[in-house]
C-alpha atoms as a PDB file:
ATOM      1  CA  MET A   1      98.295 117.456  80.860  1.00  0.00           C
ATOM      2  CA  VAL A   2      95.453 115.147  79.354  1.00  0.00           C
ATOM      3  CA  VAL A   3      93.518 112.791  81.189  1.00  0.00           C
ATOM      4  CA  ARG A   4      93.151 109.543  79.164  1.00  0.00           C
ATOM      5  CA  THR A   5      91.977 107.141  81.879  1.00  0.00           C
ATOM      6  CA  ILE A   6      89.564 107.447  84.880  1.00  0.00           C
ATOM      7  CA  PHE A   7      89.439 104.655  87.784  1.00  0.00           C
ATOM      8  CA  VAL A   8      86.516 104.911  89.715  1.00  0.00           C
ATOM      9  CA  THR A   9      85.503 103.271  93.041  1.00  0.00           C
ATOM     10  CA  ARG A  10      83.052 102.602  95.800  1.00  0.00           C
ATOM     11  CA  HIS A  11      84.227 103.209  99.654  1.00  0.00           C
ATOM     12  CA  GLY A  12      84.929 100.014 101.551  1.00  0.00           C
ATOM     13  CA  PHE A  13      82.304  98.398 104.038  1.00  0.00           C
ATOM     14  CA  ARG A  14      81.199 100.898 106.406  1.00  0.00           C
ATOM     15  CA  GLY A  15      79.005 101.647 109.697  1.00  0.00           C
ATOM     16  CA  THR A  16      75.190 101.998 109.419  1.00  0.00           C
ATOM     17  CA  TRP A  17      73.071 104.525 110.592  1.00  0.00           C
ATOM     18  CA  ASP A  18      69.190 104.906 111.279  1.00  0.00           C
ATOM     19  CA  LEU A  19      66.603 107.718 110.461  1.00  0.00           C
ATOM     20  CA  ASP A  20      63.407 108.461 112.389  1.00  0.00           C
ATOM     21  CA  LEU A  21      61.264 109.415 109.315  1.00  0.00           C
ATOM     22  CA  ASP A  22      58.968 111.491 111.793  1.00  0.00           C
ATOM     23  CA  SER A  23      61.398 113.533 113.403  1.00  0.00           C
ATOM     24  CA  GLY A  24      63.858 113.800 110.510  1.00  0.00           C
ATOM     25  CA  ILE A  25      66.631 112.728 113.110  1.00  0.00           C
ATOM     26  CA  TYR A  26      69.429 110.484 111.942  1.00  0.00           C
ATOM     27  CA  THR A  27      71.585 108.159 114.621  1.00  0.00           C
ATOM     28  CA  SER A  28      74.181 105.828 114.444  1.00  0.00           C
ATOM     29  CA  LYS A  29      76.408 103.417 116.580  1.00  0.00           C
ATOM     30  CA  PHE A  30      79.141 104.169 114.149  1.00  0.00           C
ATOM     31  CA  LEU A  31      80.415 107.385 114.695  1.00  0.00           C
ATOM     32  CA  SER A  32      83.429 108.221 112.986  1.00  0.00           C
ATOM     33  CA  PRO A  33      85.734 111.278 114.307  1.00  0.00           C
ATOM     34  CA  THR A  34      83.513 113.650 112.530  1.00  0.00           C
ATOM     35  CA  LYS A  35      80.417 112.615 114.923  1.00  0.00           C
ATOM     36  CA  ILE A  36      78.329 113.013 112.125  1.00  0.00           C
ATOM     37  CA  PRO A  37      75.692 109.996 112.074  1.00  0.00           C
ATOM     38  CA  VAL A  38      75.598 109.757 108.410  1.00  0.00           C
ATOM     39  CA  ASP A  39      79.300 109.806 108.177  1.00  0.00           C
ATOM     40  CA  PRO A  40      80.412 106.630 109.545  1.00  0.00           C
ATOM     41  CA  PRO A  41      84.032 104.964 109.423  1.00  0.00           C
ATOM     42  CA  LEU A  42      85.103 101.711 107.500  1.00  0.00           C
ATOM     43  CA  VAL A  43      84.620  98.889 109.704  1.00  0.00           C
ATOM     44  CA  ALA A  44      87.726  96.637 110.166  1.00  0.00           C
ATOM     45  CA  TYR A  45      86.878  94.628 106.987  1.00  0.00           C
ATOM     46  CA  GLY A  46      86.461  97.884 105.056  1.00  0.00           C
ATOM     47  CA  VAL A  47      89.904  98.984 106.297  1.00  0.00           C
ATOM     48  CA  GLN A  48      91.576  95.844 104.991  1.00  0.00           C
ATOM     49  CA  GLN A  49      89.458  96.534 101.841  1.00  0.00           C
ATOM     50  CA  SER A  50      91.260 100.255 101.583  1.00  0.00           C
ATOM     51  CA  HIS A  51      94.748  98.414 101.593  1.00  0.00           C
ATOM     52  CA  GLN A  52      93.696  96.019  99.218  1.00  0.00           C
ATOM     53  CA  LEU A  53      92.689  98.714  96.653  1.00  0.00           C
ATOM     54  CA  ALA A  54      95.670 100.655  97.565  1.00  0.00           C
ATOM     55  CA  ASP A  55      97.767  97.648  96.040  1.00  0.00           C
ATOM     56  CA  ALA A  56      95.538  97.737  92.817  1.00  0.00           C
ATOM     57  CA  LEU A  57      95.953 101.364  92.561  1.00  0.00           C
ATOM     58  CA  ILE A  58      99.709 101.889  92.897  1.00  0.00           C
ATOM     59  CA  SER A  59     100.363  99.287  90.023  1.00  0.00           C
ATOM     60  CA  THR A  60      97.963 100.987  87.134  1.00  0.00           C
ATOM     61  CA  VAL A  61      99.325 101.723  83.819  1.00  0.00           C
ATOM     62  CA  PRO A  62      99.321 104.650  83.278  1.00  0.00           C
ATOM     63  CA  ARG A  63     100.254 105.791  86.772  1.00  0.00           C
ATOM     64  CA  ILE A  64      97.338 107.570  88.708  1.00  0.00           C
ATOM     65  CA  SER A  65      98.364 110.994  89.315  1.00  0.00           C
ATOM     66  CA  ARG A  66      95.348 112.776  90.616  1.00  0.00           C
ATOM     67  CA  ILE A  67      92.876 111.490  93.297  1.00  0.00           C
ATOM     68  CA  TYR A  68      89.594 113.036  93.794  1.00  0.00           C
ATOM     69  CA  SER A  69      86.986 111.845  96.662  1.00  0.00           C
ATOM     70  CA  SER A  70      83.836 112.459  98.166  1.00  0.00           C
ATOM     71  CA  PRO A  71      84.449 114.378 101.253  1.00  0.00           C
ATOM     72  CA  TYR A  72      82.217 112.001 103.536  1.00  0.00           C
ATOM     73  CA  TYR A  73      84.739 110.154 105.976  1.00  0.00           C
ATOM     74  CA  ARG A  74      84.204 106.560 104.762  1.00  0.00           C
ATOM     75  CA  CYS A  75      85.594 107.622 101.222  1.00  0.00           C
ATOM     76  CA  LEU A  76      88.602 109.505 102.392  1.00  0.00           C
ATOM     77  CA  GLU A  77      89.447 106.417 104.513  1.00  0.00           C
ATOM     78  CA  THR A  78      89.013 104.119 101.847  1.00  0.00           C
ATOM     79  CA  ILE A  79      91.247 106.221  99.400  1.00  0.00           C
ATOM     80  CA  ARG A  80      94.016 107.442 102.266  1.00  0.00           C
ATOM     81  CA  PRO A  81      96.005 104.136 101.734  1.00  0.00           C
ATOM     82  CA  ALA A  82      96.315 104.811  98.025  1.00  0.00           C
ATOM     83  CA  ALA A  83      97.047 108.204  98.580  1.00  0.00           C
ATOM     84  CA  GLU A  84      99.929 107.757 101.182  1.00  0.00           C
ATOM     85  CA  LYS A  85     101.681 104.890  98.727  1.00  0.00           C
ATOM     86  CA  LEU A  86     101.238 107.214  95.621  1.00  0.00           C
ATOM     87  CA  GLU A  87     102.251 110.297  97.635  1.00  0.00           C
ATOM     88  CA  LEU A  88      99.359 111.981  96.196  1.00  0.00           C
ATOM     89  CA  ARG A  89      97.259 114.588  97.809  1.00  0.00           C
ATOM     90  CA  ILE A  90      93.439 114.155  97.960  1.00  0.00           C
ATOM     91  CA  ASN A  91      91.083 116.609  96.464  1.00  0.00           C
ATOM     92  CA  ALA A  92      87.736 116.267  98.371  1.00  0.00           C
ATOM     93  CA  ASP A  93      84.600 117.343  96.017  1.00  0.00           C
ATOM     94  CA  ASN A  94      81.055 117.433  97.405  1.00  0.00           C
ATOM     95  CA  GLY A  95      79.974 117.189  93.953  1.00  0.00           C
ATOM     96  CA  ILE A  96      80.684 113.572  93.975  1.00  0.00           C
ATOM     97  CA  GLY A  97      79.516 113.128  97.538  1.00  0.00           C
ATOM     98  CA  GLU A  98      76.472 110.914  98.940  1.00  0.00           C
ATOM     99  CA  TRP A  99      73.060 111.250  97.396  1.00  0.00           C
ATOM    100  CA  PHE A 100      69.870 111.576  99.543  1.00  0.00           C
ATOM    101  CA  GLY A 101      66.553 111.788  98.082  1.00  0.00           C
ATOM    102  CA  GLN A 102      64.271 114.756  98.716  1.00  0.00           C
ATOM    103  CA  ALA A 103      62.956 115.098 102.222  1.00  0.00           C
ATOM    104  CA  PRO A 104      61.182 118.011 104.417  1.00  0.00           C
ATOM    105  CA  PHE A 105      64.086 118.029 106.601  1.00  0.00           C
ATOM    106  CA  PRO A 106      67.638 118.694 106.021  1.00  0.00           C
ATOM    107  CA  HIS A 107      69.958 115.739 105.835  1.00  0.00           C
ATOM    108  CA  PRO A 108      73.479 116.239 107.884  1.00  0.00           C
ATOM    109  CA  GLY A 109      76.239 117.080 105.439  1.00  0.00           C
ATOM    110  CA  PRO A 110      80.126 116.072 105.515  1.00  0.00           C
ATOM    111  CA  ALA A 111      82.367 117.589 107.937  1.00  0.00           C
ATOM    112  CA  THR A 112      83.885 121.074 107.518  1.00  0.00           C
ATOM    113  CA  ALA A 113      86.875 121.325 105.251  1.00  0.00           C
ATOM    114  CA  SER A 114      88.916 122.519 108.320  1.00  0.00           C
ATOM    115  CA  LEU A 115      88.053 119.481 110.508  1.00  0.00           C
ATOM    116  CA  LEU A 116      88.934 117.089 107.749  1.00  0.00           C
ATOM    117  CA  ASN A 117      92.199 118.688 107.195  1.00  0.00           C
ATOM    118  CA  THR A 118      93.053 117.708 110.781  1.00  0.00           C
ATOM    119  CA  LEU A 119      91.807 114.211 110.416  1.00  0.00           C
ATOM    120  CA  PHE A 120      93.382 113.795 106.555  1.00  0.00           C
ATOM    121  CA  PRO A 121      96.934 115.252 106.540  1.00  0.00           C
ATOM    122  CA  SER A 122      97.120 114.296 102.689  1.00  0.00           C
ATOM    123  CA  LEU A 123      93.949 116.261 101.904  1.00  0.00           C
ATOM    124  CA  GLU A 124      94.532 119.220  99.405  1.00  0.00           C
ATOM    125  CA  THR A 125      93.661 122.350 101.171  1.00  0.00           C
ATOM    126  CA  ASN A 126      93.895 124.575  97.753  1.00  0.00           C
ATOM    127  CA  TYR A 127      91.147 122.571  95.920  1.00  0.00           C
ATOM    128  CA  THR A 128      87.649 124.131  95.536  1.00  0.00           C
ATOM    129  CA  PRO A 129      85.034 121.753  95.099  1.00  0.00           C
ATOM    130  CA  SER A 130      82.858 121.674  92.084  1.00  0.00           C
ATOM    131  CA  CYS A 131      79.265 122.252  93.944  1.00  0.00           C
ATOM    132  CA  TYR A 132      77.403 121.285  96.683  1.00  0.00           C
ATOM    133  CA  PRO A 133      74.146 119.433  96.918  1.00  0.00           C
ATOM    134  CA  PRO A 134      71.064 121.030  98.438  1.00  0.00           C
ATOM    135  CA  ALA A 135      70.609 120.373 102.346  1.00  0.00           C
ATOM    136  CA  THR A 136      67.126 118.661 101.521  1.00  0.00           C
ATOM    137  CA  GLY A 137      68.284 116.301  99.153  1.00  0.00           C
ATOM    138  CA  GLU A 138      67.759 115.831  95.400  1.00  0.00           C
ATOM    139  CA  PRO A 139      65.230 114.196  92.865  1.00  0.00           C
ATOM    140  CA  LEU A 140      67.148 111.773  90.393  1.00  0.00           C
ATOM    141  CA  PRO A 141      67.078 114.169  87.677  1.00  0.00           C
ATOM    142  CA  GLN A 142      68.910 116.756  89.761  1.00  0.00           C
ATOM    143  CA  LEU A 143      71.473 114.063  91.142  1.00  0.00           C
ATOM    144  CA  TYR A 144      72.376 113.257  87.266  1.00  0.00           C
ATOM    145  CA  ALA A 145      72.968 117.226  86.979  1.00  0.00           C
ATOM    146  CA  ARG A 146      75.148 117.520  89.524  1.00  0.00           C
ATOM    147  CA  ILE A 147      77.317 114.531  88.753  1.00  0.00           C
ATOM    148  CA  ALA A 148      77.527 115.852  85.096  1.00  0.00           C
ATOM    149  CA  PHE A 149      78.712 119.023  86.282  1.00  0.00           C
ATOM    150  CA  ALA A 150      80.969 117.909  88.799  1.00  0.00           C
ATOM    151  CA  LEU A 151      82.613 115.438  86.407  1.00  0.00           C
ATOM    152  CA  SER A 152      82.925 118.075  84.011  1.00  0.00           C
ATOM    153  CA  TYR A 153      84.885 120.161  86.381  1.00  0.00           C
ATOM    154  CA  ILE A 154      86.884 117.367  87.678  1.00  0.00           C
ATOM    155  CA  ILE A 155      88.277 116.468  84.464  1.00  0.00           C
ATOM    156  CA  ALA A 156      88.903 120.046  83.307  1.00  0.00           C
ATOM    157  CA  ASP A 157      90.738 120.611  86.596  1.00  0.00           C
ATOM    158  CA  ALA A 158      92.747 117.556  85.880  1.00  0.00           C
ATOM    159  CA  ASP A 159      93.338 118.557  82.389  1.00  0.00           C
ATOM    160  CA  SER A 160      94.562 121.878  83.172  1.00  0.00           C
ATOM    161  CA  ALA A 161      97.226 120.887  85.855  1.00  0.00           C
ATOM    162  CA  SER A 162     100.912 120.588  85.103  1.00  0.00           C
ATOM    163  CA  GLY A 163     102.803 117.066  84.696  1.00  0.00           C
ATOM    164  CA  ASP A 164     103.181 114.338  82.350  1.00  0.00           C
ATOM    165  CA  PRO A 165     101.131 114.964  78.951  1.00  0.00           C
ATOM    166  CA  GLU A 166      98.783 111.855  79.559  1.00  0.00           C
ATOM    167  CA  VAL A 167      97.597 110.600  82.742  1.00  0.00           C
ATOM    168  CA  ALA A 168      95.168 108.789  84.945  1.00  0.00           C
ATOM    169  CA  LEU A 169      92.716 109.900  88.048  1.00  0.00           C
ATOM    170  CA  VAL A 170      90.928 108.056  90.272  1.00  0.00           C
ATOM    171  CA  ILE A 171      87.398 109.006  92.150  1.00  0.00           C
ATOM    172  CA  CYS A 172      86.137 107.587  95.510  1.00  0.00           C
ATOM    173  CA  THR A 173      82.549 107.848  95.776  1.00  0.00           C
ATOM    174  CA  HIS A 174      79.285 106.134  96.915  1.00  0.00           C
ATOM    175  CA  ALA A 175      77.183 103.645  95.124  1.00  0.00           C
ATOM    176  CA  ALA A 176      74.525 105.745  93.443  1.00  0.00           C
ATOM    177  CA  PRO A 177      77.168 108.460  92.170  1.00  0.00           C
ATOM    178  CA  LEU A 178      79.155 105.604  90.992  1.00  0.00           C
ATOM    179  CA  ILE A 179      76.571 104.172  88.834  1.00  0.00           C
ATOM    180  CA  ILE A 180      75.690 107.755  87.629  1.00  0.00           C
ATOM    181  CA  ILE A 181      79.054 108.579  87.068  1.00  0.00           C
ATOM    182  CA  GLY A 182      79.485 105.440  84.529  1.00  0.00           C
ATOM    183  CA  ARG A 183      76.156 106.624  82.388  1.00  0.00           C
ATOM    184  CA  VAL A 184      77.470 110.280  82.236  1.00  0.00           C
ATOM    185  CA  LEU A 185      80.895 109.364  81.306  1.00  0.00           C
ATOM    186  CA  THR A 186      79.733 107.088  78.682  1.00  0.00           C
ATOM    187  CA  GLY A 187      76.449 108.678  77.843  1.00  0.00           C
ATOM    188  CA  ASN A 188      74.600 105.706  78.123  1.00  0.00           C
ATOM    189  CA  LEU A 189      71.283 106.441  80.177  1.00  0.00           C
ATOM    190  CA  PRO A 190      69.005 103.090  80.048  1.00  0.00           C
ATOM    191  CA  SER A 191      65.186 103.548  79.661  1.00  0.00           C
ATOM    192  CA  ASN A 192      64.883 101.441  82.923  1.00  0.00           C
ATOM    193  CA  VAL A 193      67.112 103.564  85.440  1.00  0.00           C
ATOM    194  CA  GLY A 194      67.035 100.625  87.674  1.00  0.00           C
ATOM    195  CA  GLU A 195      68.993  98.628  85.315  1.00  0.00           C
ATOM    196  CA  GLN A 196      72.117  97.136  86.493  1.00  0.00           C
ATOM    197  CA  ASP A 197      74.596  98.448  84.116  1.00  0.00           C
ATOM    198  CA  PHE A 198      77.557  99.656  85.927  1.00  0.00           C
ATOM    199  CA  ARG A 199      78.073  97.790  89.039  1.00  0.00           C
ATOM    200  CA  ALA A 200      78.803  99.057  92.414  1.00  0.00           C
ATOM    201  CA  PHE A 201      80.739  96.332  94.726  1.00  0.00           C
ATOM    202  CA  THR A 202      82.526  97.974  97.877  1.00  0.00           C
ATOM    203  CA  ALA A 203      86.210  98.814  96.775  1.00  0.00           C
ATOM    204  CA  GLY A 204      85.654  97.907  93.462  1.00  0.00           C
ATOM    205  CA  LEU A 205      87.182  99.254  90.440  1.00  0.00           C
ATOM    206  CA  SER A 206      86.145 100.542  87.288  1.00  0.00           C
ATOM    207  CA  ARG A 207      88.185 101.768  84.533  1.00  0.00           C
ATOM    208  CA  PHE A 208      87.233 104.317  81.658  1.00  0.00           C
ATOM    209  CA  GLU A 209      89.251 105.287  78.454  1.00  0.00           C
ATOM    210  CA  ARG A 210      88.677 108.614  76.726  1.00  0.00           C
ATOM    211  CA  ARG A 211      87.430 108.459  73.238  1.00  0.00           C
ATOM    212  CA  GLN A 212      88.669 111.928  72.171  1.00  0.00           C
ATOM    213  CA  ILE A 213      89.959 115.167  73.576  1.00  0.00           C
ATOM    214  CA  PRO A 214      87.350 118.062  73.386  1.00  0.00           C
ATOM    215  CA  THR A 215      88.082 121.754  72.482  1.00  0.00           C
ATOM    216  CA  ARG A 216      85.931 123.175  75.365  1.00  0.00           C
ATOM    217  CA  TYR A 217      85.722 122.512  78.985  1.00  0.00           C
ATOM    218  CA  ILE A 218      83.552 123.508  81.827  1.00  0.00           C
ATOM    219  CA  LYS A 219      85.268 125.280  84.717  1.00  0.00           C
ATOM    220  CA  LYS A 220      83.216 126.916  87.574  1.00  0.00           C
ATOM    221  CA  SER A 221      83.344 126.826  91.194  1.00  0.00           C
ATOM    222  CA  GLY A 222      80.908 127.106  94.335  1.00  0.00           C
ATOM    223  CA  PHE A 223      78.009 126.158  91.735  1.00  0.00           C
ATOM    224  CA  HIS A 224      74.803 125.049  94.117  1.00  0.00           C
ATOM    225  CA  VAL A 225      72.828 122.523  92.117  1.00  0.00           C
ATOM    226  CA  GLN A 226      69.423 123.826  93.648  1.00  0.00           C
ATOM    227  CA  ASP A 227      70.012 126.959  90.886  1.00  0.00           C
ATOM    228  CA  GLU A 228      69.740 126.045  87.431  1.00  0.00           C
ATOM    229  CA  PRO A 229      72.366 123.586  86.505  1.00  0.00           C
ATOM    230  CA  PRO A 230      74.428 124.301  83.123  1.00  0.00           C
ATOM    231  CA  ASN A 231      73.252 122.357  80.208  1.00  0.00           C
ATOM    232  CA  ILE A 232      75.634 119.851  79.607  1.00  0.00           C
ATOM    233  CA  ASP A 233      75.132 117.522  76.738  1.00  0.00           C
ATOM    234  CA  TRP A 234      76.113 113.655  77.679  1.00  0.00           C
ATOM    235  CA  GLU A 235      73.374 111.611  76.845  1.00  0.00           C
ATOM    236  CA  ALA A 236      72.520 109.579  73.360  1.00  0.00           C
ATOM    237  CA  GLY A 237      76.120 108.068  73.694  1.00  0.00           C
ATOM    238  CA  ASN A 238      77.956 111.312  73.733  1.00  0.00           C
ATOM    239  CA  GLY A 239      79.509 111.266  77.394  1.00  0.00           C
ATOM    240  CA  LEU A 240      81.499 114.058  79.187  1.00  0.00           C
ATOM    241  CA  SER A 241      84.476 115.922  77.757  1.00  0.00           C
ATOM    242  CA  GLY A 242      85.022 113.713  74.713  1.00  0.00           C
ATOM    243  CA  GLY A 243      83.344 110.569  75.695  1.00  0.00           C
ATOM    244  CA  TRP A 244      84.715 107.535  77.625  1.00  0.00           C
ATOM    245  CA  ASP A 245      84.221 103.774  77.157  1.00  0.00           C
ATOM    246  CA  CYS A 246      84.061 101.730  80.012  1.00  0.00           C
ATOM    247  CA  VAL A 247      86.634  98.779  79.710  1.00  0.00           C
ATOM    248  CA  VAL A 248      86.513  97.374  83.401  1.00  0.00           C
ATOM    249  CA  ASN A 249      83.399  97.245  85.401  1.00  0.00           C
ATOM    250  CA  CYS A 250      83.936  97.077  89.041  1.00  0.00           C
ATOM    251  CA  ASP A 251      86.643  94.379  88.759  1.00  0.00           C
ATOM    252  CA  CYS A 252      87.188  92.880  92.351  1.00  0.00           C
ATOM    253  CA  THR A 253      89.728  90.392  92.078  1.00  0.00           C
ATOM    254  CA  HIS A 254      92.121  92.651  94.014  1.00  0.00           C
ATOM    255  CA  LEU A 255      89.870  92.118  97.098  1.00  0.00           C
ATOM    256  CA  LYS A 256      90.112  88.585  99.101  1.00  0.00           C
ATOM    257  CA  GLY A 257      86.504  88.512  99.751  1.00  0.00           C
ATOM    258  CA  GLY A 258      85.401  89.539  95.856  1.00  0.00           C
ATOM    259  CA  GLU A 259      82.386  91.116  94.951  1.00  0.00           C
ATOM    260  CA  GLU A 260      80.560  91.982  97.953  1.00  0.00           C
ATOM    261  CA  ARG A 261      77.462  94.591  98.723  1.00  0.00           C
ATOM    262  CA  GLY A 262      76.601  95.284  95.568  1.00  0.00           C
ATOM    263  CA  TRP A 263      73.919  98.111  94.949  1.00  0.00           C
END
């Protein structure tokens, strides 16, 4: 099958955490079942957003046939209602996980796949993540490399799956990765990286349409971005895997609260 449409969403309202910069210790009053401070659950309002998002995702044209998500609890919790209504498995990929800046201490990562499998029955157990961010965080160029590689991998994975000839997939991620996903897919990198080009409201929904089908894909598993990343040409308007046009930039009309918590 060939992916023609990619939907991208950010997790809903979540709990917060604190960081002691001197000790490098994270704490949170909002612990999810993973018990990891940087892995809080959605608050009640965020759970409502997840169901409103699901109602939007089950009515897309073309119909969504693949789901990819960051392995952090808040993202899996956000996309779970849609997965259940669409009767699809969730492919958890660390390559589209949260971004932490470089630090002299390790940042806590997401829960292990074995634990997540017990918390989310719709998680696909046979999916191998594209890559794993370094424990001590990433500078911005390395984050771009990570997202570019992960997207190439995800698109190739979906393109190689059997099923309908033309399909759509949805990605559930975090604010910073979402913005970079938009830039990498379209190939448009602003001179000011702080430019508000791709919006990242909680549970908003962006849509990207493929320009053309490439003849070559990247497919590699277990790649660690602290090693030398592959050279993926996406800048200067090229975009990944044939290039993509953003036709909807973080629509929130499906949410009762509209646009909230932009980034």
